[in-house]
Amino acid sequence: MIRFLYILILSALFALAAEAQYYPNPYFKVKTGKEEPYYKNEWYFGISLATGSAGEMVRYGVIKIHQDGHTEISWLTQKNFIMQASGQQPSKANKNKENFFEIYKIQWSIMDQIWKLRYNEWPYDDARRQEIGWSGKMFVPSDMQWAYLKKNYGYGALTEFLYGDNFWKLLQDMQDENWVGQYSGLK
């Protein structure tokens, strides 16, 4: 019986190893020695208004831009995003551990308002359900709002990522009540 279990376990391990050759793990890349040098890439903090797989209202990430323009995104929780962007946690997008919130004069609390760009009311039935968003439509910005976001920040679709200076500029603007009124009025 023990010999049978031993053979069964070995067979399973060999099957997994063989399968790994044909279906490489998308989360761990084997170094080949032909990777682009770190210094040739640009790294940014950014967001997407597309909801996350676990129901997050906003997707946060570090965006890696290769020399050829190809992008890679490392997803972050809001907490890790804030920790890295404030220099409290190491990040490739913040090698000098600067506090971008201080540099751009942004209140951390604005991070909890980003969802309002996309929704006209809090979409979940929980304690926040009475909160009103700024969107011209129920689940997406109006056409005029999309045009405004594209023109002023280079952000024009839920599937895109807003990053770099345009991202920080949007957060700065969101703190201005006049800006909120103007954005909300674009129906």
N, C-alpha and C. Protein backbone atom coordinates (compact mmCIF):
# COMPACT_ATOMS: atom_id res chain seq x y z
N MET A 1 0.82 -1.19 0.00
CA MET A 1 0.00 0.00 0.00
C MET A 1 0.87 1.27 0.00
N ILE A 2 1.90 1.26 0.84
CA ILE A 2 2.79 2.42 0.90
C ILE A 2 3.51 2.59 -0.43
N ARG A 3 3.92 1.48 -1.02
CA ARG A 3 4.60 1.54 -2.31
C ARG A 3 3.67 2.12 -3.38
N PHE A 4 2.39 1.74 -3.33
CA PHE A 4 1.41 2.28 -4.28
C PHE A 4 1.27 3.80 -4.12
N LEU A 5 1.16 4.29 -2.89
CA LEU A 5 1.06 5.72 -2.63
C LEU A 5 2.32 6.44 -3.10
N TYR A 6 3.45 5.85 -2.86
CA TYR A 6 4.72 6.44 -3.28
C TYR A 6 4.76 6.59 -4.81
N ILE A 7 4.35 5.55 -5.51
CA ILE A 7 4.32 5.60 -6.98
C ILE A 7 3.29 6.61 -7.46
N LEU A 8 2.15 6.68 -6.81
CA LEU A 8 1.11 7.63 -7.17
C LEU A 8 1.59 9.07 -7.00
N ILE A 9 2.25 9.36 -5.89
CA ILE A 9 2.77 10.71 -5.63
C ILE A 9 3.84 11.07 -6.65
N LEU A 10 4.76 10.16 -6.93
CA LEU A 10 5.80 10.40 -7.92
C LEU A 10 5.20 10.64 -9.30
N SER A 11 4.19 9.87 -9.65
CA SER A 11 3.53 10.05 -10.95
C SER A 11 2.89 11.42 -11.05
N ALA A 12 2.25 11.85 -9.97
CA ALA A 12 1.61 13.16 -9.96
C ALA A 12 2.65 14.27 -10.11
N LEU A 13 3.77 14.14 -9.42
CA LEU A 13 4.84 15.14 -9.52
C LEU A 13 5.41 15.20 -10.94
N PHE A 14 5.64 14.05 -11.54
CA PHE A 14 6.15 14.03 -12.92
C PHE A 14 5.13 14.64 -13.89
N ALA A 15 3.85 14.36 -13.65
CA ALA A 15 2.81 14.94 -14.51
C ALA A 15 2.78 16.46 -14.38
N LEU A 16 2.91 16.95 -13.16
CA LEU A 16 2.94 18.40 -12.95
C LEU A 16 4.15 19.03 -13.61
N ALA A 17 5.30 18.39 -13.48
CA ALA A 17 6.52 18.92 -14.08
C ALA A 17 6.40 18.93 -15.61
N ALA A 18 5.84 17.88 -16.18
CA ALA A 18 5.68 17.83 -17.64
C ALA A 18 4.68 18.89 -18.10
N GLU A 19 3.61 19.07 -17.35
CA GLU A 19 2.61 20.08 -17.72
C GLU A 19 3.20 21.48 -17.63
N ALA A 20 4.07 21.72 -16.67
CA ALA A 20 4.67 23.04 -16.50
C ALA A 20 5.50 23.44 -17.71
N GLN A 21 6.04 22.46 -18.43
CA GLN A 21 6.81 22.78 -19.63
C GLN A 21 5.91 23.35 -20.72
N TYR A 22 4.67 22.85 -20.79
CA TYR A 22 3.75 23.28 -21.84
C TYR A 22 2.89 24.47 -21.42
N TYR A 23 2.66 24.61 -20.12
CA TYR A 23 1.85 25.69 -19.59
C TYR A 23 2.64 26.42 -18.51
N PRO A 24 3.52 27.31 -18.91
CA PRO A 24 4.34 27.99 -17.92
C PRO A 24 3.50 28.84 -16.98
N ASN A 25 3.95 28.97 -15.76
CA ASN A 25 3.27 29.75 -14.75
C ASN A 25 3.32 31.22 -15.14
N PRO A 26 2.17 31.88 -15.27
CA PRO A 26 2.18 33.29 -15.69
C PRO A 26 2.66 34.24 -14.61
N TYR A 27 2.79 33.76 -13.37
CA TYR A 27 3.17 34.65 -12.28
C TYR A 27 4.67 34.65 -12.01
N PHE A 28 5.34 33.60 -12.36
CA PHE A 28 6.78 33.51 -12.14
C PHE A 28 7.47 33.26 -13.46
N LYS A 29 8.33 34.17 -13.84
CA LYS A 29 9.03 34.03 -15.10
C LYS A 29 10.44 33.52 -14.86
N VAL A 30 10.83 32.54 -15.63
CA VAL A 30 12.18 32.01 -15.55
C VAL A 30 13.11 32.99 -16.25
N LYS A 31 14.18 33.37 -15.57
CA LYS A 31 15.12 34.31 -16.17
C LYS A 31 15.92 33.60 -17.25
N THR A 32 16.00 34.25 -18.40
CA THR A 32 16.70 33.67 -19.53
C THR A 32 18.04 34.33 -19.78
N GLY A 33 18.27 35.48 -19.13
CA GLY A 33 19.49 36.24 -19.36
C GLY A 33 19.33 37.22 -20.50
N LYS A 34 18.17 37.19 -21.16
CA LYS A 34 17.92 38.10 -22.29
C LYS A 34 16.90 39.18 -21.90
N GLU A 35 16.61 39.33 -20.59
CA GLU A 35 15.66 40.33 -20.15
C GLU A 35 16.18 41.74 -20.42
N GLU A 36 15.25 42.64 -20.62
CA GLU A 36 15.58 44.04 -20.79
C GLU A 36 16.19 44.56 -19.50
N PRO A 37 17.28 45.29 -19.56
CA PRO A 37 17.85 45.84 -18.33
C PRO A 37 16.85 46.73 -17.61
N TYR A 38 16.89 46.69 -16.31
CA TYR A 38 15.96 47.45 -15.47
C TYR A 38 15.96 48.93 -15.83
N TYR A 39 17.12 49.49 -16.07
CA TYR A 39 17.24 50.93 -16.30
C TYR A 39 16.63 51.39 -17.62
N LYS A 40 16.31 50.47 -18.52
CA LYS A 40 15.72 50.85 -19.80
C LYS A 40 14.19 50.93 -19.74
N ASN A 41 13.63 50.60 -18.61
CA ASN A 41 12.18 50.63 -18.44
C ASN A 41 11.78 51.86 -17.64
N GLU A 42 10.56 52.31 -17.86
CA GLU A 42 10.01 53.39 -17.06
C GLU A 42 8.88 52.81 -16.21
N TRP A 43 8.79 53.27 -14.97
CA TRP A 43 7.81 52.76 -14.02
C TRP A 43 6.95 53.91 -13.52
N TYR A 44 5.64 53.66 -13.39
CA TYR A 44 4.71 54.69 -12.95
C TYR A 44 3.66 54.08 -12.03
N PHE A 45 3.08 54.93 -11.18
CA PHE A 45 1.88 54.56 -10.45
C PHE A 45 0.68 54.93 -11.31
N GLY A 46 -0.38 54.13 -11.20
CA GLY A 46 -1.57 54.45 -11.99
C GLY A 46 -2.80 53.72 -11.51
N ILE A 47 -3.92 54.08 -12.13
CA ILE A 47 -5.21 53.47 -11.79
C ILE A 47 -5.98 53.14 -13.05
N SER A 48 -6.97 52.29 -12.87
CA SER A 48 -7.96 52.02 -13.90
C SER A 48 -9.32 52.07 -13.22
N LEU A 49 -10.31 52.60 -13.90
CA LEU A 49 -11.66 52.64 -13.34
C LEU A 49 -12.41 51.32 -13.53
N ALA A 50 -11.77 50.36 -14.18
CA ALA A 50 -12.37 49.03 -14.30
C ALA A 50 -12.36 48.37 -12.92
N THR A 51 -13.44 47.71 -12.58
CA THR A 51 -13.48 47.05 -11.28
C THR A 51 -12.54 45.86 -11.26
N GLY A 52 -12.04 45.56 -10.07
CA GLY A 52 -11.14 44.43 -9.91
C GLY A 52 -11.90 43.12 -9.78
N SER A 53 -11.19 42.03 -9.86
CA SER A 53 -11.82 40.70 -9.82
C SER A 53 -12.44 40.40 -8.46
N ALA A 54 -11.99 41.09 -7.42
CA ALA A 54 -12.55 40.88 -6.09
C ALA A 54 -13.55 41.98 -5.72
N GLY A 55 -14.03 42.72 -6.72
CA GLY A 55 -15.03 43.75 -6.48
C GLY A 55 -14.47 45.11 -6.10
N GLU A 56 -13.17 45.31 -6.25
CA GLU A 56 -12.60 46.61 -5.94
C GLU A 56 -13.18 47.65 -6.90
N MET A 57 -13.44 48.83 -6.38
CA MET A 57 -14.05 49.89 -7.18
C MET A 57 -13.06 50.49 -8.18
N VAL A 58 -11.79 50.44 -7.85
CA VAL A 58 -10.72 51.00 -8.67
C VAL A 58 -9.58 50.00 -8.67
N ARG A 59 -8.88 49.88 -9.78
CA ARG A 59 -7.71 49.02 -9.85
C ARG A 59 -6.46 49.89 -9.75
N TYR A 60 -5.59 49.54 -8.83
CA TYR A 60 -4.35 50.27 -8.60
C TYR A 60 -3.19 49.43 -9.12
N GLY A 61 -2.17 50.08 -9.60
CA GLY A 61 -1.04 49.30 -10.08
C GLY A 61 0.21 50.12 -10.30
N VAL A 62 1.27 49.37 -10.54
CA VAL A 62 2.54 49.94 -10.99
C VAL A 62 2.66 49.53 -12.44
N ILE A 63 2.86 50.52 -13.30
CA ILE A 63 2.90 50.28 -14.74
C ILE A 63 4.34 50.35 -15.20
N LYS A 64 4.76 49.32 -15.90
CA LYS A 64 6.12 49.24 -16.46
C LYS A 64 6.00 49.47 -17.96
N ILE A 65 6.68 50.49 -18.45
CA ILE A 65 6.68 50.80 -19.88
C ILE A 65 8.04 50.40 -20.44
N HIS A 66 8.04 49.43 -21.34
CA HIS A 66 9.27 48.99 -21.99
C HIS A 66 9.68 50.01 -23.05
N GLN A 67 10.90 49.92 -23.49
CA GLN A 67 11.39 50.83 -24.55
C GLN A 67 10.55 50.74 -25.81
N ASP A 68 10.03 49.57 -26.13
CA ASP A 68 9.23 49.40 -27.34
C ASP A 68 7.78 49.84 -27.16
N GLY A 69 7.43 50.35 -25.97
CA GLY A 69 6.08 50.83 -25.71
C GLY A 69 5.16 49.80 -25.07
N HIS A 70 5.59 48.55 -25.04
CA HIS A 70 4.82 47.48 -24.41
C HIS A 70 4.67 47.78 -22.91
N THR A 71 3.50 47.52 -22.35
CA THR A 71 3.28 47.79 -20.94
C THR A 71 3.00 46.52 -20.17
N GLU A 72 3.41 46.53 -18.91
CA GLU A 72 3.09 45.47 -17.96
C GLU A 72 2.54 46.15 -16.73
N ILE A 73 1.59 45.50 -16.08
CA ILE A 73 0.98 46.07 -14.89
C ILE A 73 1.12 45.10 -13.74
N SER A 74 1.60 45.60 -12.62
CA SER A 74 1.62 44.83 -11.37
C SER A 74 0.51 45.41 -10.50
N TRP A 75 -0.50 44.60 -10.23
CA TRP A 75 -1.66 45.07 -9.47
C TRP A 75 -1.30 45.24 -8.01
N LEU A 76 -1.88 46.25 -7.40
CA LEU A 76 -1.67 46.53 -5.98
C LEU A 76 -3.01 46.73 -5.30
N THR A 77 -3.04 46.46 -4.01
CA THR A 77 -4.21 46.86 -3.23
C THR A 77 -4.11 48.37 -3.02
N GLN A 78 -5.21 48.98 -2.65
CA GLN A 78 -5.17 50.43 -2.38
C GLN A 78 -4.16 50.72 -1.27
N LYS A 79 -4.14 49.90 -0.25
CA LYS A 79 -3.21 50.12 0.87
C LYS A 79 -1.76 50.06 0.39
N ASN A 80 -1.40 49.03 -0.37
CA ASN A 80 -0.03 48.92 -0.87
C ASN A 80 0.31 50.05 -1.84
N PHE A 81 -0.67 50.45 -2.63
CA PHE A 81 -0.47 51.57 -3.55
C PHE A 81 -0.09 52.82 -2.76
N ILE A 82 -0.87 53.13 -1.73
CA ILE A 82 -0.61 54.32 -0.91
C ILE A 82 0.74 54.19 -0.20
N MET A 83 1.03 53.02 0.31
CA MET A 83 2.31 52.81 1.01
C MET A 83 3.49 53.03 0.06
N GLN A 84 3.40 52.51 -1.16
CA GLN A 84 4.49 52.67 -2.12
C GLN A 84 4.58 54.10 -2.64
N ALA A 85 3.43 54.70 -2.95
CA ALA A 85 3.43 56.07 -3.49
C ALA A 85 3.84 57.10 -2.44
N SER A 86 3.73 56.74 -1.17
CA SER A 86 4.14 57.66 -0.12
C SER A 86 5.57 57.36 0.36
N GLY A 87 6.22 56.38 -0.25
CA GLY A 87 7.61 56.07 0.09
C GLY A 87 7.78 55.23 1.33
N GLN A 88 6.70 54.69 1.86
CA GLN A 88 6.79 53.87 3.07
C GLN A 88 7.07 52.40 2.77
N GLN A 89 6.99 52.04 1.50
CA GLN A 89 7.22 50.66 1.07
C GLN A 89 8.03 50.74 -0.22
N PRO A 90 9.00 49.85 -0.41
CA PRO A 90 9.81 49.90 -1.64
C PRO A 90 8.95 49.72 -2.89
N SER A 91 9.33 50.42 -3.96
CA SER A 91 8.60 50.32 -5.22
C SER A 91 9.52 50.69 -6.37
N LYS A 92 9.39 49.97 -7.48
CA LYS A 92 10.15 50.32 -8.69
C LYS A 92 9.67 51.64 -9.27
N ALA A 93 8.44 52.03 -8.96
CA ALA A 93 7.91 53.31 -9.43
C ALA A 93 8.30 54.46 -8.50
N ASN A 94 8.97 54.13 -7.42
CA ASN A 94 9.37 55.16 -6.45
C ASN A 94 10.71 54.78 -5.84
N LYS A 95 11.73 54.70 -6.68
CA LYS A 95 13.05 54.23 -6.25
C LYS A 95 13.65 55.08 -5.12
N ASN A 96 13.32 56.37 -5.10
CA ASN A 96 13.89 57.27 -4.10
C ASN A 96 13.03 57.39 -2.84
N LYS A 97 11.98 56.59 -2.76
CA LYS A 97 11.06 56.57 -1.62
C LYS A 97 10.55 57.97 -1.27
N GLU A 98 10.13 58.70 -2.31
CA GLU A 98 9.55 60.02 -2.11
C GLU A 98 8.08 59.88 -1.75
N ASN A 99 7.53 60.89 -1.13
CA ASN A 99 6.12 60.90 -0.82
C ASN A 99 5.41 61.70 -1.91
N PHE A 100 4.86 61.01 -2.90
CA PHE A 100 4.20 61.68 -4.01
C PHE A 100 2.96 62.47 -3.55
N PHE A 101 2.35 62.04 -2.46
CA PHE A 101 1.19 62.77 -1.96
C PHE A 101 1.60 64.15 -1.46
N GLU A 102 2.76 64.24 -0.83
CA GLU A 102 3.27 65.55 -0.40
C GLU A 102 3.76 66.36 -1.59
N ILE A 103 4.49 65.72 -2.49
CA ILE A 103 5.03 66.42 -3.66
C ILE A 103 3.92 67.07 -4.48
N TYR A 104 2.83 66.32 -4.71
CA TYR A 104 1.72 66.82 -5.53
C TYR A 104 0.61 67.47 -4.70
N LYS A 105 0.83 67.57 -3.37
CA LYS A 105 -0.15 68.20 -2.46
C LYS A 105 -1.52 67.52 -2.56
N ILE A 106 -1.50 66.23 -2.35
CA ILE A 106 -2.72 65.43 -2.45
C ILE A 106 -3.05 64.82 -1.09
N GLN A 107 -4.29 64.99 -0.68
CA GLN A 107 -4.77 64.37 0.55
C GLN A 107 -5.03 62.88 0.28
N TRP A 108 -4.58 62.03 1.17
CA TRP A 108 -4.77 60.60 0.98
C TRP A 108 -6.25 60.25 0.85
N SER A 109 -7.11 61.01 1.51
CA SER A 109 -8.54 60.70 1.50
C SER A 109 -9.14 60.76 0.09
N ILE A 110 -8.50 61.45 -0.83
CA ILE A 110 -9.03 61.53 -2.20
C ILE A 110 -9.01 60.16 -2.87
N MET A 111 -8.17 59.27 -2.38
CA MET A 111 -8.10 57.91 -2.94
C MET A 111 -9.43 57.19 -2.77
N ASP A 112 -10.17 57.55 -1.72
CA ASP A 112 -11.48 56.93 -1.49
C ASP A 112 -12.59 57.59 -2.31
N GLN A 113 -12.25 58.60 -3.11
CA GLN A 113 -13.23 59.29 -3.93
C GLN A 113 -13.12 58.94 -5.41
N ILE A 114 -12.08 58.22 -5.80
CA ILE A 114 -11.84 57.94 -7.22
C ILE A 114 -13.03 57.23 -7.87
N TRP A 115 -13.69 56.36 -7.14
CA TRP A 115 -14.83 55.62 -7.69
C TRP A 115 -15.91 56.57 -8.23
N LYS A 116 -15.98 57.78 -7.68
CA LYS A 116 -17.03 58.72 -8.08
C LYS A 116 -16.89 59.18 -9.53
N LEU A 117 -15.69 59.04 -10.09
CA LEU A 117 -15.51 59.37 -11.51
C LEU A 117 -16.34 58.45 -12.40
N ARG A 118 -16.54 57.23 -11.96
CA ARG A 118 -17.22 56.22 -12.78
C ARG A 118 -18.70 56.02 -12.43
N TYR A 119 -19.06 56.16 -11.18
CA TYR A 119 -20.42 55.84 -10.74
C TYR A 119 -21.17 57.10 -10.31
N ASN A 120 -22.50 57.09 -10.50
CA ASN A 120 -23.29 58.22 -10.02
C ASN A 120 -23.83 57.98 -8.62
N GLU A 121 -23.70 56.77 -8.13
CA GLU A 121 -24.00 56.46 -6.73
C GLU A 121 -23.23 55.20 -6.35
N TRP A 122 -23.02 55.02 -5.07
CA TRP A 122 -22.29 53.83 -4.59
C TRP A 122 -23.05 52.59 -5.04
N PRO A 123 -22.40 51.68 -5.76
CA PRO A 123 -23.14 50.58 -6.39
C PRO A 123 -23.45 49.38 -5.49
N TYR A 124 -22.96 49.37 -4.27
CA TYR A 124 -23.19 48.23 -3.39
C TYR A 124 -24.20 48.58 -2.30
N ASP A 125 -24.91 47.58 -1.84
CA ASP A 125 -25.91 47.78 -0.80
C ASP A 125 -25.24 47.55 0.56
N ASP A 126 -24.54 48.57 1.01
CA ASP A 126 -23.87 48.48 2.30
C ASP A 126 -23.93 49.85 2.98
N ALA A 127 -23.10 50.08 3.97
CA ALA A 127 -23.16 51.31 4.76
C ALA A 127 -22.93 52.57 3.91
N ARG A 128 -22.25 52.45 2.78
CA ARG A 128 -21.95 53.62 1.95
C ARG A 128 -23.00 53.84 0.85
N ARG A 129 -24.08 53.08 0.83
CA ARG A 129 -25.02 53.11 -0.28
C ARG A 129 -25.67 54.47 -0.53
N GLN A 130 -25.61 55.37 0.42
CA GLN A 130 -26.21 56.70 0.25
C GLN A 130 -25.26 57.69 -0.42
N GLU A 131 -24.00 57.31 -0.63
CA GLU A 131 -23.02 58.22 -1.22
C GLU A 131 -23.31 58.44 -2.70
N ILE A 132 -23.15 59.67 -3.11
CA ILE A 132 -23.41 60.07 -4.49
C ILE A 132 -22.09 60.22 -5.23
N GLY A 133 -22.05 59.70 -6.46
CA GLY A 133 -20.86 59.84 -7.29
C GLY A 133 -20.99 61.04 -8.22
N TRP A 134 -20.01 61.20 -9.10
CA TRP A 134 -19.97 62.35 -9.99
C TRP A 134 -20.29 61.98 -11.44
N SER A 135 -20.46 60.71 -11.72
CA SER A 135 -20.64 60.25 -13.09
C SER A 135 -21.99 60.68 -13.66
N GLY A 136 -22.00 60.92 -14.97
CA GLY A 136 -23.23 61.31 -15.65
C GLY A 136 -24.13 60.13 -15.96
N LYS A 137 -23.61 58.92 -15.85
CA LYS A 137 -24.41 57.71 -16.07
C LYS A 137 -24.28 56.83 -14.83
N MET A 138 -25.09 55.77 -14.79
CA MET A 138 -25.11 54.94 -13.59
C MET A 138 -23.78 54.23 -13.33
N PHE A 139 -23.20 53.61 -14.36
CA PHE A 139 -22.01 52.79 -14.14
C PHE A 139 -20.77 53.23 -14.92
N VAL A 140 -20.89 54.28 -15.71
CA VAL A 140 -19.75 54.78 -16.48
C VAL A 140 -19.88 56.29 -16.63
N PRO A 141 -18.77 56.97 -16.86
CA PRO A 141 -18.87 58.40 -17.15
C PRO A 141 -19.69 58.63 -18.43
N SER A 142 -20.32 59.79 -18.51
CA SER A 142 -21.07 60.14 -19.73
C SER A 142 -20.08 60.35 -20.87
N ASP A 143 -20.60 60.43 -22.08
CA ASP A 143 -19.73 60.67 -23.24
C ASP A 143 -18.95 61.98 -23.08
N MET A 144 -19.60 63.00 -22.56
CA MET A 144 -18.92 64.28 -22.36
C MET A 144 -17.83 64.17 -21.29
N GLN A 145 -18.09 63.36 -20.25
CA GLN A 145 -17.08 63.16 -19.21
C GLN A 145 -15.89 62.39 -19.76
N TRP A 146 -16.16 61.37 -20.59
CA TRP A 146 -15.05 60.63 -21.21
C TRP A 146 -14.21 61.57 -22.07
N ALA A 147 -14.87 62.41 -22.84
CA ALA A 147 -14.15 63.35 -23.70
C ALA A 147 -13.30 64.29 -22.85
N TYR A 148 -13.83 64.72 -21.73
CA TYR A 148 -13.10 65.61 -20.81
C TYR A 148 -11.88 64.89 -20.22
N LEU A 149 -12.09 63.66 -19.77
CA LEU A 149 -10.97 62.88 -19.20
C LEU A 149 -9.89 62.62 -20.25
N LYS A 150 -10.31 62.33 -21.47
CA LYS A 150 -9.35 62.07 -22.55
C LYS A 150 -8.56 63.34 -22.89
N LYS A 151 -9.27 64.45 -23.04
CA LYS A 151 -8.63 65.70 -23.42
C LYS A 151 -7.66 66.20 -22.35
N ASN A 152 -8.06 66.14 -21.09
CA ASN A 152 -7.28 66.74 -20.01
C ASN A 152 -6.28 65.81 -19.34
N TYR A 153 -6.52 64.48 -19.43
CA TYR A 153 -5.67 63.54 -18.71
C TYR A 153 -5.19 62.36 -19.56
N GLY A 154 -5.66 62.28 -20.80
CA GLY A 154 -5.26 61.18 -21.67
C GLY A 154 -5.88 59.86 -21.31
N TYR A 155 -7.01 59.89 -20.59
CA TYR A 155 -7.67 58.67 -20.14
C TYR A 155 -9.03 58.58 -20.81
N GLY A 156 -9.23 57.53 -21.64
CA GLY A 156 -10.46 57.49 -22.42
C GLY A 156 -11.25 56.21 -22.40
N ALA A 157 -10.88 55.23 -21.58
CA ALA A 157 -11.64 53.97 -21.55
C ALA A 157 -11.39 53.24 -20.24
N LEU A 158 -12.40 52.49 -19.80
CA LEU A 158 -12.26 51.74 -18.54
C LEU A 158 -11.07 50.78 -18.56
N THR A 159 -10.78 50.23 -19.70
CA THR A 159 -9.72 49.22 -19.79
C THR A 159 -8.32 49.83 -19.81
N GLU A 160 -8.23 51.14 -19.98
CA GLU A 160 -6.93 51.80 -19.99
C GLU A 160 -6.46 52.07 -18.56
N PHE A 161 -5.17 52.40 -18.45
CA PHE A 161 -4.61 52.83 -17.18
C PHE A 161 -4.22 54.28 -17.28
N LEU A 162 -4.58 55.05 -16.28
CA LEU A 162 -4.16 56.44 -16.17
C LEU A 162 -2.95 56.45 -15.26
N TYR A 163 -1.82 56.97 -15.75
CA TYR A 163 -0.60 56.89 -14.95
C TYR A 163 0.28 58.11 -15.19
N GLY A 164 1.31 58.19 -14.37
CA GLY A 164 2.28 59.27 -14.52
C GLY A 164 1.71 60.62 -14.10
N ASP A 165 2.23 61.68 -14.70
CA ASP A 165 1.83 63.04 -14.35
C ASP A 165 0.34 63.28 -14.52
N ASN A 166 -0.27 62.67 -15.55
CA ASN A 166 -1.71 62.84 -15.76
C ASN A 166 -2.52 62.29 -14.59
N PHE A 167 -2.07 61.19 -14.03
CA PHE A 167 -2.75 60.59 -12.87
C PHE A 167 -2.69 61.54 -11.68
N TRP A 168 -1.50 62.05 -11.39
CA TRP A 168 -1.35 62.94 -10.23
C TRP A 168 -2.10 64.25 -10.45
N LYS A 169 -2.15 64.73 -11.68
CA LYS A 169 -2.90 65.95 -12.00
C LYS A 169 -4.39 65.73 -11.76
N LEU A 170 -4.91 64.58 -12.16
CA LEU A 170 -6.33 64.28 -11.92
C LEU A 170 -6.62 64.28 -10.42
N LEU A 171 -5.77 63.63 -9.63
CA LEU A 171 -6.00 63.61 -8.18
C LEU A 171 -5.98 65.02 -7.60
N GLN A 172 -5.05 65.85 -8.05
CA GLN A 172 -5.02 67.24 -7.60
C GLN A 172 -6.34 67.94 -7.94
N ASP A 173 -6.79 67.78 -9.17
CA ASP A 173 -8.01 68.45 -9.62
C ASP A 173 -9.24 67.96 -8.85
N MET A 174 -9.28 66.68 -8.53
CA MET A 174 -10.42 66.11 -7.82
C MET A 174 -10.61 66.73 -6.44
N GLN A 175 -9.59 67.34 -5.89
CA GLN A 175 -9.68 67.98 -4.57
C GLN A 175 -10.35 69.35 -4.64
N ASP A 176 -10.55 69.86 -5.83
CA ASP A 176 -11.13 71.18 -6.05
C ASP A 176 -12.65 71.05 -6.25
N GLU A 177 -13.43 71.67 -5.39
CA GLU A 177 -14.90 71.58 -5.49
C GLU A 177 -15.41 72.13 -6.81
N ASN A 178 -14.76 73.16 -7.35
CA ASN A 178 -15.17 73.70 -8.65
C ASN A 178 -14.97 72.67 -9.75
N TRP A 179 -13.87 71.93 -9.68
CA TRP A 179 -13.60 70.89 -10.67
C TRP A 179 -14.67 69.81 -10.56
N VAL A 180 -15.00 69.39 -9.33
CA VAL A 180 -16.03 68.37 -9.12
C VAL A 180 -17.36 68.83 -9.71
N GLY A 181 -17.71 70.09 -9.47
CA GLY A 181 -18.95 70.63 -10.04
C GLY A 181 -18.95 70.63 -11.55
N GLN A 182 -17.82 71.01 -12.12
CA GLN A 182 -17.71 71.03 -13.59
C GLN A 182 -17.80 69.61 -14.15
N TYR A 183 -17.07 68.65 -13.56
CA TYR A 183 -17.10 67.26 -14.04
C TYR A 183 -18.51 66.67 -13.89
N SER A 184 -19.11 66.89 -12.73
CA SER A 184 -20.47 66.36 -12.48
C SER A 184 -21.49 66.94 -13.45
N GLY A 185 -21.28 68.17 -13.87
CA GLY A 185 -22.22 68.82 -14.78
C GLY A 185 -22.13 68.38 -16.22
N LEU A 186 -21.10 67.60 -16.54
CA LEU A 186 -20.96 67.11 -17.92
C LEU A 186 -21.83 65.88 -18.13
N LYS A 187 -23.02 66.09 -18.60
CA LYS A 187 -23.97 64.98 -18.78
C LYS A 187 -23.97 64.61 -20.23
